[in-house]
Structures are given as C-alpha cells and as structure tokens.
C-alpha cells in the first residue's frame, strides 16, 4: 500500500516538536543545553563572559522573575552615566520613609551622589536608591524609571521592565537571568561601577554625627571566593534569594546571576568554577602581531609590515576551537606616504557564522613618498624639528 504524503508531513512536524531547532543568536548555540552539567537549586540562572558578552550557561534564563535589589545594578549605572556623581543630593520625605533595607538617611540630610551609589551597592539602602532616583530623575521616580527602561532598551534587553529604583516587589517590575547577566557585564565594563562593587568597606559622612557611616559590603562572595570582585545581593519574600556575582581569574572576568535560589552562594561559586574550567579565552589575534607585508607604491621602500592594533579573542570550550575563523581585510597594495599607526585594514573574527568582533590593522612604521613633492614635504618638516 502506498504511503500518503500527509503521513510524512505529520512525522516531520512531530520531530520538530520533540527536537526543536535552536534559535539562540546568529549561528550560536543554546547555552541552556549545558544546564545539566552543573545542577543548581536556582529557579533561573545565567553565566556570562564579561569582556565578550558570551553567555556560557543558562537555566530557564529567559523566564521573567522578580529580582529584588539586583535592581540597584541599573540604578547605579544610570546614576554613574548621568555624569553628576559630585553633586549633592538632599534626602526627601519619600526617601526618608521608604520601607526595607536602609542606611538611615535623615530627612533633609545631604550626601554626594557617588556616596549614595556606594550605599546602594554595599548596603542595599532603599532610602539611598530613592534619593538617587529623585535627584537624577528631576524629582520624579517615574522619570528615573523611564531612564532605567531606556537603558535596557539600548542594550537590546526585551524581557525586562522597571518601575522603581530599589527592587521592592511591584507587579510591572521584572527581569530575566539572561537580561541581568548582560546588564551586569555592561556595568562591570564601567571603571567607576567596577570600583564600587569590589569595595569591601566604605566610609561616608554622617551629617550631624561625630562619626562616619561605615558600610561593609553584604556580598559574601567578596570574602569567600578567590578573585571575587562584585556585585550585588537581593532578597524579598516574593523574589527569594537573588545574587549577582563576578570574579576575575588570569585576566578573565565572569559574572553569574542566580534568581530564587536557596543556595545562592554555593551555586554562584559552582557556576564561576564551571566557567573558568570549561572555557578558555582563545586569543586569536595578539596586539602588535605581524599580519602581512604589503607592497608600497611611490615610496622610499617597497614593502611595509602590517600589525594588529589590539588583541581579540573569544571564550570557547575545547571542542569549539575549530569554529573560530579570522577574515583579514587588506588592500592589494598601499601608496606612499603611509604613516606609522595609520589604519589600512581590519581583521574580523567569527565564531561559526557570527561576527564577534574586529580589530584594526595598522602600518608598523612610516614610509615616505618619493618625487619632488615628497622631497619638499620632508624638507619643510625638517625646518620645524
């Protein structure tokens, strides 16, 4: 008996449902395929390489969750990027009365904006977060929330929405482990933010007192995990225990997000260990690495060495190294004069079919031109040496 075409169609559809095609990234793989390699208790989690932005591990990482005080990561970076860190902030009634964790700002107390950034990242002060939002947002929490949401939109994060600067539970306030990992990596590339979150103890003035506020960082990872350098704790009854952690080892920085996790410290350490051991940073291009020698027309020399302007690499598993590919873009020849450091081309680095970065290719030295015009230019320059 001849099989009907529709039988084959149904079989194909059943296979697609049972084994869906990955749609993560362009030519990238789905990091959640490795979730079983590190069993953790977190409801959702994500591990990211800070420099490259590659997600190395995920568990339910696109599920929208309450994130508690991890919200203060974006509050801090919006405040830092406002360029107003030395401005004086006055504590309003709103900031004075806000519930939850606090550094006990007095009504009308004045603090520098930068000191309040330390207060939210080390002590998770909701009063400090509210004071920051009102100051930077022109007196309006709503306007500051719009600034927060504009930043996540700029970063291409579609699973996140904020309505307050502190992370107290609200119906329309949520994010995902993936989005918080990308946001945290972005923030850690800011030197001011990075300095704040790796600080273990900070003293700031206490207006009206004879002593300073001494703020110890609540992030236990800074004390118990080698190389830890950030970033933020969080908890509400609805959100559960949440933690953003980062660590640097051999020049590589990783960040991990765990949400609703009873074992947040242990799970974060597990995931960081996994990232450092399972992935290595394959440096495909070294800074000042010779790449080519190009012919030079009309020059005092007929060849010029071309070098890479900076290093470029990508974190990969051992079985992925062969998937990295370099594409060198250079002209067939150069025409003098060509000056040392002048960009003459670029190297593009690909992982599978996805472009992950590029570096400029530079002239290693100067090659002057020949002829009467070139001689005149050299003579003229010599007059001013």
Protein backbone atom coordinates (compact mmCIF):
# COMPACT_ATOMS: atom_id res chain seq x y z
CA UNK A 1 0.00 0.00 0.00
CA UNK A 2 1.41 3.42 -0.98
CA UNK A 3 2.04 5.86 1.94
CA UNK A 4 0.24 9.14 1.72
CA UNK A 5 2.27 12.40 1.61
CA UNK A 6 0.43 13.81 4.62
CA UNK A 7 1.78 10.95 6.79
CA UNK A 8 5.36 12.14 6.11
CA UNK A 9 4.38 15.75 6.87
CA UNK A 10 2.89 14.79 10.24
CA UNK A 11 6.03 12.79 11.09
CA UNK A 12 8.26 15.79 10.33
CA UNK A 13 6.09 18.07 12.48
CA UNK A 14 6.26 15.62 15.40
CA UNK A 15 10.06 15.50 15.15
CA UNK A 16 10.30 19.30 15.16
CA UNK A 17 8.16 19.49 18.28
CA UNK A 18 10.21 16.80 20.03
CA UNK A 19 13.57 18.23 18.92
CA UNK A 20 13.17 21.96 18.29
CA UNK A 21 15.83 23.84 16.39
CA UNK A 22 17.89 26.23 18.47
CA UNK A 23 17.24 29.89 17.72
CA UNK A 24 19.75 31.36 20.18
CA UNK A 25 21.82 34.05 18.49
CA UNK A 26 23.08 34.07 14.92
CA UNK A 27 24.92 30.83 14.35
CA UNK A 28 25.44 30.47 18.11
CA UNK A 29 24.43 27.53 20.25
CA UNK A 30 21.87 27.45 23.06
CA UNK A 31 23.76 27.76 26.40
CA UNK A 32 20.88 26.02 28.19
CA UNK A 33 21.96 22.74 26.61
CA UNK A 34 24.68 22.61 29.28
CA UNK A 35 22.34 23.16 32.26
CA UNK A 36 22.66 19.50 33.31
CA UNK A 37 26.44 19.84 33.63
CA UNK A 38 26.01 21.99 36.74
CA UNK A 39 22.98 21.03 38.84
CA UNK A 40 21.88 24.03 40.91
CA UNK A 41 18.87 24.91 43.04
CA UNK A 42 18.25 28.31 41.42
CA UNK A 43 14.96 28.63 39.58
CA UNK A 44 16.77 30.56 36.85
CA UNK A 45 20.43 31.38 36.21
CA UNK A 46 22.89 32.71 33.63
CA UNK A 47 26.68 32.87 33.39
CA UNK A 48 28.38 35.42 31.12
CA UNK A 49 31.91 36.26 29.98
CA UNK A 50 32.15 39.97 30.76
CA UNK A 51 34.54 41.04 28.01
CA UNK A 52 32.94 39.24 25.07
CA UNK A 53 29.35 39.13 26.35
CA UNK A 54 29.04 35.43 25.50
CA UNK A 55 26.51 33.55 27.64
CA UNK A 56 28.29 30.40 28.85
CA UNK A 57 25.48 28.73 30.80
CA UNK A 58 21.77 29.17 31.21
CA UNK A 59 18.92 27.65 33.19
CA UNK A 60 15.43 28.95 32.38
CA UNK A 61 17.31 32.16 31.70
CA UNK A 62 14.56 33.91 29.73
CA UNK A 63 11.88 33.36 32.38
CA UNK A 64 10.63 36.68 33.77
CA UNK A 65 11.26 36.92 37.51
CA UNK A 66 11.22 39.33 40.40
CA UNK A 67 14.82 40.38 41.04
CA UNK A 68 14.64 42.29 44.35
CA UNK A 69 17.68 44.50 44.99
CA UNK A 70 19.54 43.35 41.89
CA UNK A 71 17.53 46.28 40.50
CA UNK A 72 20.12 48.54 42.10
CA UNK A 73 22.67 47.46 39.46
CA UNK A 74 20.86 49.53 36.87
CA UNK A 75 20.11 52.30 39.37
CA UNK A 76 23.85 52.59 39.95
CA UNK A 77 24.88 52.56 36.29
CA UNK A 78 22.23 55.14 35.32
CA UNK A 79 23.45 57.37 38.16
CA UNK A 80 27.10 56.92 37.17
CA UNK A 81 26.43 57.63 33.50
CA UNK A 82 24.50 60.80 34.41
CA UNK A 83 27.89 62.45 34.99
CA UNK A 84 26.65 64.04 38.21
CA UNK A 85 28.47 62.00 40.83
CA UNK A 86 29.91 65.00 42.68
CA UNK A 87 26.54 66.71 43.04
CA UNK A 88 24.90 66.99 46.45
CA UNK A 89 21.66 65.08 47.00
CA UNK A 90 19.10 66.13 49.63
CA UNK A 91 17.05 63.40 51.31
CA UNK A 92 13.32 63.90 50.69
CA UNK A 93 10.37 62.68 52.77
CA UNK A 94 9.85 59.98 50.17
CA UNK A 95 13.42 58.69 50.56
CA UNK A 96 13.31 59.05 54.35
CA UNK A 97 10.13 56.98 54.67
CA UNK A 98 10.76 54.19 52.14
CA UNK A 99 10.50 50.71 53.62
CA UNK A 100 13.05 47.92 53.61
CA UNK A 101 16.84 47.98 53.93
CA UNK A 102 18.27 51.38 54.78
CA UNK A 103 21.38 53.35 55.65
CA UNK A 104 19.14 55.54 57.84
CA UNK A 105 19.33 58.81 55.97
CA UNK A 106 17.84 61.66 57.98
CA UNK A 107 15.14 63.89 56.50
CA UNK A 108 16.95 66.72 54.68
CA UNK A 109 20.36 65.03 55.02
CA UNK A 110 22.81 65.86 52.25
CA UNK A 111 25.13 63.34 50.61
CA UNK A 112 27.20 63.26 47.43
CA UNK A 113 25.64 61.18 44.67
CA UNK A 114 28.74 58.95 44.47
CA UNK A 115 28.45 58.11 48.18
CA UNK A 116 24.82 57.12 47.70
CA UNK A 117 25.92 54.80 44.86
CA UNK A 118 28.22 53.09 47.36
CA UNK A 119 25.31 52.95 49.81
CA UNK A 120 23.02 51.07 47.43
CA UNK A 121 25.66 48.63 46.18
CA UNK A 122 27.29 47.82 49.55
CA UNK A 123 24.36 48.14 51.99
CA UNK A 124 21.38 47.97 49.60
CA UNK A 125 19.86 51.14 51.06
CA UNK A 126 16.38 51.71 49.64
CA UNK A 127 16.46 55.24 51.06
CA UNK A 128 19.68 55.92 49.14
CA UNK A 129 18.21 54.40 45.94
CA UNK A 130 15.12 56.61 46.23
CA UNK A 131 17.26 59.71 46.85
CA UNK A 132 19.37 58.88 43.76
CA UNK A 133 16.29 58.39 41.58
CA UNK A 134 14.66 61.64 42.67
CA UNK A 135 17.85 63.63 42.14
CA UNK A 136 18.83 62.20 38.76
CA UNK A 137 15.20 61.96 37.61
CA UNK A 138 14.48 65.61 38.30
CA UNK A 139 12.37 64.89 41.38
CA UNK A 140 10.39 62.07 39.77
CA UNK A 141 10.72 58.32 40.44
CA UNK A 142 8.68 57.69 37.30
CA UNK A 143 11.08 59.73 35.17
CA UNK A 144 14.05 57.84 36.60
CA UNK A 145 12.30 54.52 35.87
CA UNK A 146 11.91 55.71 32.28
CA UNK A 147 15.68 56.29 32.20
CA UNK A 148 16.23 52.75 33.52
CA UNK A 149 13.95 51.27 30.86
CA UNK A 150 15.58 53.36 28.14
CA UNK A 151 18.97 51.91 29.12
CA UNK A 152 17.77 48.29 28.94
CA UNK A 153 16.22 49.03 25.56
CA UNK A 154 19.57 50.41 24.35
CA UNK A 155 21.16 47.12 25.43
CA UNK A 156 18.57 45.12 23.49
CA UNK A 157 17.05 43.51 26.59
CA UNK A 158 13.44 42.62 25.89
CA UNK A 159 12.47 40.64 29.00
CA UNK A 160 12.91 43.45 31.50
CA UNK A 161 10.82 46.33 32.86
CA UNK A 162 11.42 48.56 35.89
CA UNK A 163 9.07 50.81 37.88
CA UNK A 164 11.26 51.67 40.89
CA UNK A 165 14.97 52.12 41.73
CA UNK A 166 15.23 49.72 44.69
CA UNK A 167 13.53 46.46 43.67
CA UNK A 168 10.71 46.28 46.19
CA UNK A 169 8.07 43.99 44.72
CA UNK A 170 5.78 45.58 42.14
CA UNK A 171 3.55 43.97 39.54
CA UNK A 172 5.26 45.50 36.49
CA UNK A 173 8.82 45.20 37.83
CA UNK A 174 10.71 42.17 36.50
CA UNK A 175 13.70 40.88 34.58
CA UNK A 176 15.34 37.63 33.50
CA UNK A 177 18.62 35.94 34.42
CA UNK A 178 19.79 36.48 30.84
CA UNK A 179 18.99 40.19 30.81
CA UNK A 180 20.54 40.77 34.24
CA UNK A 181 23.70 38.94 33.13
CA UNK A 182 24.04 41.17 30.05
CA UNK A 183 23.30 44.28 32.12
CA UNK A 184 25.79 43.28 34.82
CA UNK A 185 28.54 42.63 32.27
CA UNK A 186 27.84 46.04 30.73
CA UNK A 187 28.03 47.73 34.13
CA UNK A 188 31.27 45.93 35.08
CA UNK A 189 32.96 47.39 32.00
CA UNK A 190 32.45 50.82 33.57
CA UNK A 191 35.50 51.51 35.80
CA UNK A 192 33.55 53.54 38.39
CA UNK A 193 30.93 50.81 38.80
CA UNK A 194 33.65 48.13 38.95
CA UNK A 195 35.47 50.04 41.70
CA UNK A 196 32.28 50.47 43.75
CA UNK A 197 31.20 46.83 43.67
CA UNK A 198 34.59 45.37 44.59
CA UNK A 199 34.86 47.65 47.64
CA UNK A 200 34.55 45.72 50.90
CA UNK A 201 34.26 48.67 53.31
CA UNK A 202 33.41 52.32 52.63
CA UNK A 203 33.18 55.29 54.99
CA UNK A 204 30.88 58.17 54.12
CA UNK A 205 29.92 61.24 56.18
CA UNK A 206 27.02 61.06 58.66
CA UNK A 207 25.55 64.52 58.81
CA UNK A 208 25.03 65.74 62.38
CA UNK A 209 27.16 62.94 63.89
CA UNK A 210 30.71 62.99 65.18
CA UNK A 211 31.44 59.74 63.37
CA UNK A 212 31.18 58.45 59.80
CA UNK A 213 28.88 55.79 58.44
CA UNK A 214 30.99 52.66 58.00
CA UNK A 215 29.42 50.46 55.32
CA UNK A 216 30.53 46.83 54.97
CA UNK A 217 29.64 45.05 51.75
CA UNK A 218 26.88 42.45 52.19
CA UNK A 219 28.22 40.38 49.29
CA UNK A 220 29.82 37.35 51.00
CA UNK A 221 31.38 36.24 47.70
CA UNK A 222 33.97 39.00 48.12
CA UNK A 223 35.24 37.22 51.23
CA UNK A 224 34.77 33.55 50.33
CA UNK A 225 35.51 33.17 46.60
CA UNK A 226 39.07 33.72 45.26
CA UNK A 227 39.13 36.55 42.73
CA UNK A 228 35.59 37.76 43.51
CA UNK A 229 35.08 41.41 42.56
CA UNK A 230 31.30 42.10 42.71
CA UNK A 231 28.42 42.66 42.51
CA UNK A 232 25.00 42.64 44.38
CA UNK A 233 22.76 40.70 46.76
CA UNK A 234 18.96 40.75 46.75
CA UNK A 235 16.00 39.35 48.67
CA UNK A 236 12.28 39.79 49.08
CA UNK A 237 9.81 37.15 50.18
CA UNK A 238 8.30 37.05 46.69
CA UNK A 239 11.64 37.09 44.79
CA UNK A 240 13.52 34.73 47.10
CA UNK A 241 17.29 34.91 47.39
CA UNK A 242 18.90 36.58 44.35
CA UNK A 243 22.58 37.14 43.70
CA UNK A 244 24.77 38.73 41.05
CA UNK A 245 28.43 37.73 41.41
CA UNK A 246 31.59 38.33 39.45
CA UNK A 247 35.17 37.10 39.63
CA UNK A 248 38.39 37.54 37.68
CA UNK A 249 40.97 34.80 37.09
CA UNK A 250 44.02 35.03 34.82
CA UNK A 251 42.69 38.25 33.32
CA UNK A 252 39.24 36.78 32.52
CA UNK A 253 36.15 38.14 34.26
CA UNK A 254 32.92 36.17 34.53
CA UNK A 255 29.58 37.21 36.04
CA UNK A 256 26.75 34.98 37.20
CA UNK A 257 23.10 35.63 38.06
CA UNK A 258 21.02 33.27 40.20
CA UNK A 259 17.37 34.05 40.95
CA UNK A 260 15.15 32.50 43.62
CA UNK A 261 17.99 30.35 44.90
CA UNK A 262 18.19 28.94 48.44
CA UNK A 263 21.83 28.01 47.79
CA UNK A 264 22.83 31.27 46.10
CA UNK A 265 26.42 31.48 47.42
CA UNK A 266 27.26 27.83 46.66
CA UNK A 267 25.53 27.82 43.27
CA UNK A 268 27.30 31.03 42.21
CA UNK A 269 30.67 29.54 43.14
CA UNK A 270 29.81 26.35 41.20
CA UNK A 271 28.94 28.29 38.08
CA UNK A 272 32.02 30.50 38.24
CA UNK A 273 34.22 27.40 38.65
CA UNK A 274 32.45 25.82 35.69
CA UNK A 275 33.05 28.88 33.52
CA UNK A 276 36.73 29.14 34.39
CA UNK A 277 37.42 25.41 33.86
CA UNK A 278 35.20 24.54 30.89
CA UNK A 279 36.01 27.63 28.79
CA UNK A 280 39.31 29.14 27.81
CA UNK A 281 39.86 32.52 26.24
CA UNK A 282 41.22 31.75 22.78
CA UNK A 283 43.29 34.80 21.83
CA UNK A 284 43.01 34.62 18.06
CA UNK A 285 44.76 37.95 17.46
CA UNK A 286 47.56 39.38 19.62
CA UNK A 287 48.25 43.10 19.91
CA UNK A 288 51.06 44.21 17.57
CA UNK A 289 51.07 40.75 15.97
CA UNK A 290 52.52 40.90 12.42
CA UNK A 291 49.78 40.03 9.96
CA UNK A 292 51.15 40.77 6.49
CA UNK A 293 53.70 42.63 4.39
CA UNK A 294 52.13 44.87 1.75
CA UNK A 295 53.72 46.34 -1.38
CA UNK A 296 54.07 50.14 -1.28
CA UNK A 297 53.93 52.24 -4.46
CA UNK A 298 55.80 55.53 -4.83
CA UNK A 299 57.60 55.05 -1.51
CA UNK A 300 61.19 55.16 -0.31
CA UNK A 301 60.64 51.46 0.50
CA UNK A 302 58.62 48.97 -1.46
CA UNK A 303 57.35 46.82 1.47
CA UNK A 304 55.59 47.65 4.75
CA UNK A 305 54.75 45.39 7.68
CA UNK A 306 51.13 45.45 8.89
CA UNK A 307 50.30 44.67 12.55
CA UNK A 308 47.16 44.15 14.64
CA UNK A 309 46.12 47.27 16.57
CA UNK A 310 44.77 45.34 19.56
CA UNK A 311 44.13 41.82 20.79
CA UNK A 312 40.95 39.88 20.04
CA UNK A 313 39.68 36.56 21.30
CA UNK A 314 36.63 34.65 22.47
CA UNK A 315 35.80 32.19 25.27
CA UNK A 316 35.36 28.68 23.85
CA UNK A 317 35.12 25.08 25.02
CA UNK A 318 37.88 22.73 23.88
CA UNK A 319 35.63 21.17 21.24
CA UNK A 320 34.74 24.59 19.80
CA UNK A 321 38.18 25.97 18.98
CA UNK A 322 37.96 24.93 15.34
CA UNK A 323 34.81 27.07 14.98
CA UNK A 324 36.79 30.32 15.31
CA UNK A 325 37.69 31.89 11.97
CA UNK A 326 39.65 35.04 11.03
CA UNK A 327 38.88 37.12 7.96
CA UNK A 328 41.66 39.56 7.01
CA UNK A 329 40.63 42.64 5.02
CA UNK A 330 43.58 44.40 3.35
CA UNK A 331 44.17 46.20 0.04
CA UNK A 332 46.49 44.64 -2.53
CA UNK A 333 48.96 47.49 -2.11
CA UNK A 334 49.46 50.88 -0.40
CA UNK A 335 50.51 54.20 -1.87
CA UNK A 336 53.06 56.34 -0.02
CA UNK A 337 53.15 58.27 2.13
CA UNK A 338 51.89 55.84 4.78
CA UNK A 339 52.31 56.78 8.44
CA UNK A 340 53.03 54.58 11.46
CA UNK A 341 49.78 53.71 13.24
CA UNK A 342 47.63 54.51 10.21
CA UNK A 343 44.71 52.12 9.76
CA UNK A 344 44.99 50.23 6.49
CA UNK A 345 42.57 47.33 7.05
CA UNK A 346 40.96 45.11 9.68
CA UNK A 347 40.64 41.56 10.95
CA UNK A 348 37.15 40.20 11.60
CA UNK A 349 36.75 37.28 13.98
CA UNK A 350 33.87 34.82 13.53
CA UNK A 351 32.51 32.10 15.76
CA UNK A 352 30.64 29.75 13.46
CA UNK A 353 28.85 32.26 11.18
CA UNK A 354 28.54 35.02 13.78
CA UNK A 355 30.87 38.01 13.68
CA UNK A 356 32.04 38.57 17.25
CA UNK A 357 34.50 41.42 16.80
CA UNK A 358 37.12 43.16 14.74
CA UNK A 359 40.47 44.90 15.25
CA UNK A 360 42.18 47.50 13.07
CA UNK A 361 45.27 46.61 11.06
CA UNK A 362 47.92 49.31 11.28
CA UNK A 363 51.09 50.33 9.47
CA UNK A 364 54.02 49.29 11.67
CA UNK A 365 56.14 52.27 10.57
CA UNK A 366 56.18 55.28 8.28
CA UNK A 367 57.05 55.01 4.60
CA UNK A 368 57.65 58.40 2.98
CA UNK A 369 56.82 59.07 -0.63
CA UNK A 370 59.26 59.76 -3.45
CA UNK A 371 59.36 62.55 -6.02
CA UNK A 372 59.69 66.35 -5.86
CA UNK A 373 56.52 66.86 -3.79
CA UNK A 374 57.57 64.29 -1.21
CA UNK A 375 61.08 65.80 -1.06
CA UNK A 376 59.59 69.28 -0.48
CA UNK A 377 57.33 67.95 2.33
CA UNK A 378 60.28 66.26 4.05
CA UNK A 379 62.35 69.44 3.70
CA UNK A 380 59.52 71.55 5.13
CA UNK A 381 59.04 69.18 8.09
CA UNK A 382 62.78 69.26 8.76
CA UNK A 383 62.66 73.01 9.29
CA UNK A 384 60.47 72.54 12.38
CA UNK A 385 62.35 69.69 14.04
